Amino acid sequence: MVVRVDESMPAKQQSLDEVKADIVRILKREAAVNASADLASELLAKLQKGDSKMQDLVKEGVEFTPVGWLERENRRVLPQLTQAIFKAPKPSGEAPSYTTYQLPTGDSVVIEVLRVEEGTLPEDEAIKAQLKEALINLSATSEVDARIQTMMDAAKIEKMSNYKTIKPAGL
């Protein structure tokens, strides 16, 4: 393969008119995500004080969706949300526990945990060995993911949007 560059264009900064719509869209999205997180924090504080019940918050423009009993392997709720639910503090006595979680979409969720029941482990040795292997793999994967995220947070990443276009000969 032979490539011939007929013309090259130096890098340039885009004008405000070219990026204005993108900037406005990004700022509106950030404001909406922040407003959602602020509202979730405010509602969480009301719930923890006992000023409100979860069902009463619908009046404030909040969607209320009772999930019912949930197991770790459920398919009714997003896996990230299931993880957040199982990381939530256990309720003490009759009082429910509350926590918040921000979905990957930017929406914030207030989680209410009413009761926790301990599960039972299977008695079959083959299943126990399989679960042990799964836990080891999960632990290793989590550690690698955490290390990668730490490196990405510490790295300076610059994405260049002005790539040069190669035109086929004869056009």
C-alpha atoms as a PDB file:
ATOM      1  CA  MET A   1       0.000   0.000   0.000  1.00  0.00           C
ATOM      2  CA  VAL A   2       1.270   3.423  -0.919  1.00  0.00           C
ATOM      3  CA  VAL A   3      -0.104   6.570   0.644  1.00  0.00           C
ATOM      4  CA  ARG A   4       0.503   9.996  -0.773  1.00  0.00           C
ATOM      5  CA  VAL A   5      -0.450  13.138   1.118  1.00  0.00           C
ATOM      6  CA  ASP A   6      -1.581  15.832  -1.293  1.00  0.00           C
ATOM      7  CA  GLU A   7      -2.386  18.436   1.275  1.00  0.00           C
ATOM      8  CA  SER A   8      -2.122  18.797   5.036  1.00  0.00           C
ATOM      9  CA  MET A   9      -4.053  21.184   7.198  1.00  0.00           C
ATOM     10  CA  PRO A  10      -2.496  22.576  10.382  1.00  0.00           C
ATOM     11  CA  ALA A  11      -4.371  22.021  13.638  1.00  0.00           C
ATOM     12  CA  LYS A  12      -6.721  24.848  14.540  1.00  0.00           C
ATOM     13  CA  GLN A  13      -9.079  25.709  17.306  1.00  0.00           C
ATOM     14  CA  GLN A  14     -12.762  25.491  16.419  1.00  0.00           C
ATOM     15  CA  SER A  15     -14.750  28.702  16.517  1.00  0.00           C
ATOM     16  CA  LEU A  16     -17.392  29.342  19.136  1.00  0.00           C
ATOM     17  CA  ASP A  17     -20.147  29.039  16.551  1.00  0.00           C
ATOM     18  CA  GLU A  18     -18.969  25.508  15.692  1.00  0.00           C
ATOM     19  CA  VAL A  19     -18.969  24.280  19.297  1.00  0.00           C
ATOM     20  CA  LYS A  20     -21.658  26.419  20.924  1.00  0.00           C
ATOM     21  CA  ALA A  21     -24.440  23.816  20.584  1.00  0.00           C
ATOM     22  CA  ASP A  22     -22.210  21.084  22.060  1.00  0.00           C
ATOM     23  CA  ILE A  23     -21.186  23.309  24.976  1.00  0.00           C
ATOM     24  CA  VAL A  24     -24.803  24.205  25.746  1.00  0.00           C
ATOM     25  CA  ARG A  25     -25.840  20.524  25.587  1.00  0.00           C
ATOM     26  CA  ILE A  26     -22.993  19.466  27.915  1.00  0.00           C
ATOM     27  CA  LEU A  27     -23.701  22.263  30.417  1.00  0.00           C
ATOM     28  CA  LYS A  28     -27.440  21.466  30.483  1.00  0.00           C
ATOM     29  CA  ARG A  29     -26.687  17.779  31.065  1.00  0.00           C
ATOM     30  CA  GLU A  30     -24.233  18.579  33.890  1.00  0.00           C
ATOM     31  CA  ALA A  31     -26.788  20.911  35.490  1.00  0.00           C
ATOM     32  CA  ALA A  32     -29.488  18.222  35.275  1.00  0.00           C
ATOM     33  CA  VAL A  33     -27.194  15.577  36.796  1.00  0.00           C
ATOM     34  CA  ASN A  34     -26.222  17.952  39.618  1.00  0.00           C
ATOM     35  CA  ALA A  35     -29.868  18.892  40.237  1.00  0.00           C
ATOM     36  CA  SER A  36     -30.791  15.200  40.388  1.00  0.00           C
ATOM     37  CA  ALA A  37     -28.000  14.495  42.892  1.00  0.00           C
ATOM     38  CA  ASP A  38     -28.993  17.523  45.004  1.00  0.00           C
ATOM     39  CA  LEU A  39     -32.652  16.455  45.049  1.00  0.00           C
ATOM     40  CA  ALA A  40     -31.665  12.901  46.011  1.00  0.00           C
ATOM     41  CA  SER A  41     -29.514  14.230  48.876  1.00  0.00           C
ATOM     42  CA  GLU A  42     -32.336  16.463  50.072  1.00  0.00           C
ATOM     43  CA  LEU A  43     -34.849  13.610  49.969  1.00  0.00           C
ATOM     44  CA  LEU A  44     -32.387  11.309  51.719  1.00  0.00           C
ATOM     45  CA  ALA A  45     -32.024  13.822  54.548  1.00  0.00           C
ATOM     46  CA  LYS A  46     -35.847  14.051  54.913  1.00  0.00           C
ATOM     47  CA  LEU A  47     -36.166  10.278  54.983  1.00  0.00           C
ATOM     48  CA  GLN A  48     -33.375   9.812  57.508  1.00  0.00           C
ATOM     49  CA  LYS A  49     -34.897  12.440  59.825  1.00  0.00           C
ATOM     50  CA  GLY A  50     -38.257  10.691  59.550  1.00  0.00           C
ATOM     51  CA  ASP A  51     -39.972  13.777  58.102  1.00  0.00           C
ATOM     52  CA  SER A  52     -41.300  11.815  55.114  1.00  0.00           C
ATOM     53  CA  LYS A  53     -42.064   8.321  53.960  1.00  0.00           C
ATOM     54  CA  MET A  54     -40.870   7.025  50.594  1.00  0.00           C
ATOM     55  CA  GLN A  55     -44.434   6.978  49.181  1.00  0.00           C
ATOM     56  CA  ASP A  56     -44.978  10.643  50.119  1.00  0.00           C
ATOM     57  CA  LEU A  57     -42.095  11.805  47.949  1.00  0.00           C
ATOM     58  CA  VAL A  58     -44.041  11.151  44.733  1.00  0.00           C
ATOM     59  CA  LYS A  59     -45.805  14.470  45.362  1.00  0.00           C
ATOM     60  CA  GLU A  60     -42.465  16.238  44.895  1.00  0.00           C
ATOM     61  CA  GLY A  61     -42.066  14.986  41.327  1.00  0.00           C
ATOM     62  CA  VAL A  62     -40.138  11.872  42.243  1.00  0.00           C
ATOM     63  CA  GLU A  63     -40.901   8.486  40.745  1.00  0.00           C
ATOM     64  CA  PHE A  64     -41.547   5.743  43.321  1.00  0.00           C
ATOM     65  CA  THR A  65     -41.016   2.155  42.224  1.00  0.00           C
ATOM     66  CA  PRO A  66     -41.273  -0.579  44.857  1.00  0.00           C
ATOM     67  CA  VAL A  67     -39.113  -3.550  43.887  1.00  0.00           C
ATOM     68  CA  GLY A  68     -40.036  -6.090  46.547  1.00  0.00           C
ATOM     69  CA  TRP A  69     -37.684  -8.908  47.562  1.00  0.00           C
ATOM     70  CA  LEU A  70     -34.470  -8.937  45.634  1.00  0.00           C
ATOM     71  CA  GLU A  71     -31.782 -11.573  45.280  1.00  0.00           C
ATOM     72  CA  ARG A  72     -28.274 -10.905  44.062  1.00  0.00           C
ATOM     73  CA  GLU A  73     -28.872 -12.850  40.849  1.00  0.00           C
ATOM     74  CA  ASN A  74     -32.064 -10.995  39.915  1.00  0.00           C
ATOM     75  CA  ARG A  75     -32.799  -9.786  36.396  1.00  0.00           C
ATOM     76  CA  ARG A  76     -35.408  -7.156  37.302  1.00  0.00           C
ATOM     77  CA  VAL A  77     -32.988  -4.414  38.317  1.00  0.00           C
ATOM     78  CA  LEU A  78     -29.802  -3.106  36.699  1.00  0.00           C
ATOM     79  CA  PRO A  79     -26.714  -4.937  37.990  1.00  0.00           C
ATOM     80  CA  GLN A  80     -25.145  -1.676  39.200  1.00  0.00           C
ATOM     81  CA  LEU A  81     -28.297  -0.830  41.145  1.00  0.00           C
ATOM     82  CA  THR A  82     -28.457  -4.335  42.618  1.00  0.00           C
ATOM     83  CA  GLN A  83     -24.868  -3.890  43.779  1.00  0.00           C
ATOM     84  CA  ALA A  84     -25.740  -0.549  45.406  1.00  0.00           C
ATOM     85  CA  ILE A  85     -28.758  -2.085  47.134  1.00  0.00           C
ATOM     86  CA  PHE A  86     -26.670  -4.872  48.626  1.00  0.00           C
ATOM     87  CA  LYS A  87     -24.024  -2.365  49.759  1.00  0.00           C
ATOM     88  CA  ALA A  88     -26.665  -0.256  51.527  1.00  0.00           C
ATOM     89  CA  PRO A  89     -26.604  -0.346  55.329  1.00  0.00           C
ATOM     90  CA  LYS A  90     -28.814  -2.965  56.953  1.00  0.00           C
ATOM     91  CA  PRO A  91     -31.918  -1.592  58.640  1.00  0.00           C
ATOM     92  CA  SER A  92     -31.885  -1.547  62.430  1.00  0.00           C
ATOM     93  CA  GLY A  93     -34.987  -2.969  64.057  1.00  0.00           C
ATOM     94  CA  GLU A  94     -38.159  -1.717  62.388  1.00  0.00           C
ATOM     95  CA  ALA A  95     -36.555   1.444  60.978  1.00  0.00           C
ATOM     96  CA  PRO A  96     -35.593   1.213  57.291  1.00  0.00           C
ATOM     97  CA  SER A  97     -32.185   2.318  56.039  1.00  0.00           C
ATOM     98  CA  TYR A  98     -31.656   4.743  53.173  1.00  0.00           C
ATOM     99  CA  THR A  99     -28.870   5.507  50.751  1.00  0.00           C
ATOM    100  CA  THR A 100     -28.449   7.157  47.359  1.00  0.00           C
ATOM    101  CA  TYR A 101     -26.882   5.949  44.127  1.00  0.00           C
ATOM    102  CA  GLN A 102     -26.162   7.687  40.854  1.00  0.00           C
ATOM    103  CA  LEU A 103     -26.924   5.599  37.770  1.00  0.00           C
ATOM    104  CA  PRO A 104     -24.570   5.639  34.771  1.00  0.00           C
ATOM    105  CA  THR A 105     -27.160   7.808  32.991  1.00  0.00           C
ATOM    106  CA  GLY A 106     -26.723  10.511  35.635  1.00  0.00           C
ATOM    107  CA  ASP A 107     -30.090   9.895  37.314  1.00  0.00           C
ATOM    108  CA  SER A 108     -29.988   9.666  41.087  1.00  0.00           C
ATOM    109  CA  VAL A 109     -31.823   6.992  43.034  1.00  0.00           C
ATOM    110  CA  VAL A 110     -32.813   6.937  46.688  1.00  0.00           C
ATOM    111  CA  ILE A 111     -32.780   3.368  47.970  1.00  0.00           C
ATOM    112  CA  GLU A 112     -34.901   2.229  50.910  1.00  0.00           C
ATOM    113  CA  VAL A 113     -34.035  -1.101  52.538  1.00  0.00           C
ATOM    114  CA  LEU A 114     -36.839  -2.361  54.756  1.00  0.00           C
ATOM    115  CA  ARG A 115     -35.545  -5.776  55.738  1.00  0.00           C
ATOM    116  CA  VAL A 116     -32.638  -8.114  55.081  1.00  0.00           C
ATOM    117  CA  GLU A 117     -32.823 -11.873  55.232  1.00  0.00           C
ATOM    118  CA  GLU A 118     -29.740 -14.038  55.390  1.00  0.00           C
ATOM    119  CA  GLY A 119     -29.431 -16.507  52.554  1.00  0.00           C
ATOM    120  CA  THR A 120     -28.356 -20.102  52.900  1.00  0.00           C
ATOM    121  CA  LEU A 121     -25.387 -21.609  51.175  1.00  0.00           C
ATOM    122  CA  PRO A 122     -25.857 -24.788  49.214  1.00  0.00           C
ATOM    123  CA  GLU A 123     -24.710 -28.012  50.817  1.00  0.00           C
ATOM    124  CA  ASP A 124     -23.362 -29.565  47.607  1.00  0.00           C
ATOM    125  CA  GLU A 125     -19.528 -29.496  47.585  1.00  0.00           C
ATOM    126  CA  ALA A 126     -19.376 -28.986  43.801  1.00  0.00           C
ATOM    127  CA  ILE A 127     -21.539 -25.864  44.047  1.00  0.00           C
ATOM    128  CA  LYS A 128     -19.459 -24.591  46.985  1.00  0.00           C
ATOM    129  CA  ALA A 129     -16.267 -25.043  44.946  1.00  0.00           C
ATOM    130  CA  GLN A 130     -17.881 -23.231  42.017  1.00  0.00           C
ATOM    131  CA  LEU A 131     -18.947 -20.353  44.279  1.00  0.00           C
ATOM    132  CA  LYS A 132     -15.463 -20.150  45.790  1.00  0.00           C
ATOM    133  CA  GLU A 133     -13.915 -19.935  42.300  1.00  0.00           C
ATOM    134  CA  ALA A 134     -16.445 -17.265  41.298  1.00  0.00           C
ATOM    135  CA  LEU A 135     -15.591 -15.200  44.398  1.00  0.00           C
ATOM    136  CA  ILE A 136     -11.869 -15.443  43.664  1.00  0.00           C
ATOM    137  CA  ASN A 137     -12.454 -14.335  40.058  1.00  0.00           C
ATOM    138  CA  LEU A 138     -14.716 -11.504  41.180  1.00  0.00           C
ATOM    139  CA  SER A 139     -12.128 -10.298  43.676  1.00  0.00           C
ATOM    140  CA  ALA A 140      -9.370 -10.361  41.065  1.00  0.00           C
ATOM    141  CA  THR A 141     -11.534  -8.573  38.509  1.00  0.00           C
ATOM    142  CA  SER A 142     -12.523  -5.901  41.028  1.00  0.00           C
ATOM    143  CA  GLU A 143      -8.896  -5.307  41.947  1.00  0.00           C
ATOM    144  CA  VAL A 144      -7.843  -4.964  38.302  1.00  0.00           C
ATOM    145  CA  ASP A 145     -10.785  -2.633  37.595  1.00  0.00           C
ATOM    146  CA  ALA A 146      -9.867  -0.481  40.594  1.00  0.00           C
ATOM    147  CA  ARG A 147      -6.228  -0.261  39.517  1.00  0.00           C
ATOM    148  CA  ILE A 148      -7.205   0.669  35.949  1.00  0.00           C
ATOM    149  CA  GLN A 149      -9.625   3.315  37.230  1.00  0.00           C
ATOM    150  CA  THR A 150      -6.903   4.742  39.499  1.00  0.00           C
ATOM    151  CA  MET A 151      -4.475   4.952  36.575  1.00  0.00           C
ATOM    152  CA  MET A 152      -7.130   6.568  34.358  1.00  0.00           C
ATOM    153  CA  ASP A 153      -7.947   9.123  37.068  1.00  0.00           C
ATOM    154  CA  ALA A 154      -4.254  10.001  37.433  1.00  0.00           C
ATOM    155  CA  ALA A 155      -3.545  10.097  33.675  1.00  0.00           C
ATOM    156  CA  LYS A 156      -3.743  13.179  31.518  1.00  0.00           C
ATOM    157  CA  ILE A 157      -5.766  12.135  28.469  1.00  0.00           C
ATOM    158  CA  GLU A 158      -6.130  14.493  25.551  1.00  0.00           C
ATOM    159  CA  LYS A 159      -8.453  13.506  22.739  1.00  0.00           C
ATOM    160  CA  MET A 160      -7.685  15.178  19.451  1.00  0.00           C
ATOM    161  CA  SER A 161     -10.708  15.728  17.227  1.00  0.00           C
ATOM    162  CA  ASN A 162      -8.929  17.019  14.149  1.00  0.00           C
ATOM    163  CA  TYR A 163      -7.636  13.918  12.392  1.00  0.00           C
ATOM    164  CA  LYS A 164      -6.306  14.164   8.869  1.00  0.00           C
ATOM    165  CA  THR A 165      -8.413  12.520   6.166  1.00  0.00           C
ATOM    166  CA  ILE A 166      -6.751  10.355   3.544  1.00  0.00           C
ATOM    167  CA  LYS A 167      -8.398  10.493   0.118  1.00  0.00           C
ATOM    168  CA  PRO A 168      -8.003   7.593  -2.310  1.00  0.00           C
ATOM    169  CA  ALA A 169      -6.005   8.410  -5.463  1.00  0.00           C
ATOM    170  CA  GLY A 170      -8.096   9.512  -8.406  1.00  0.00           C
ATOM    171  CA  LEU A 171     -10.832  11.331  -6.502  1.00  0.00           C
END
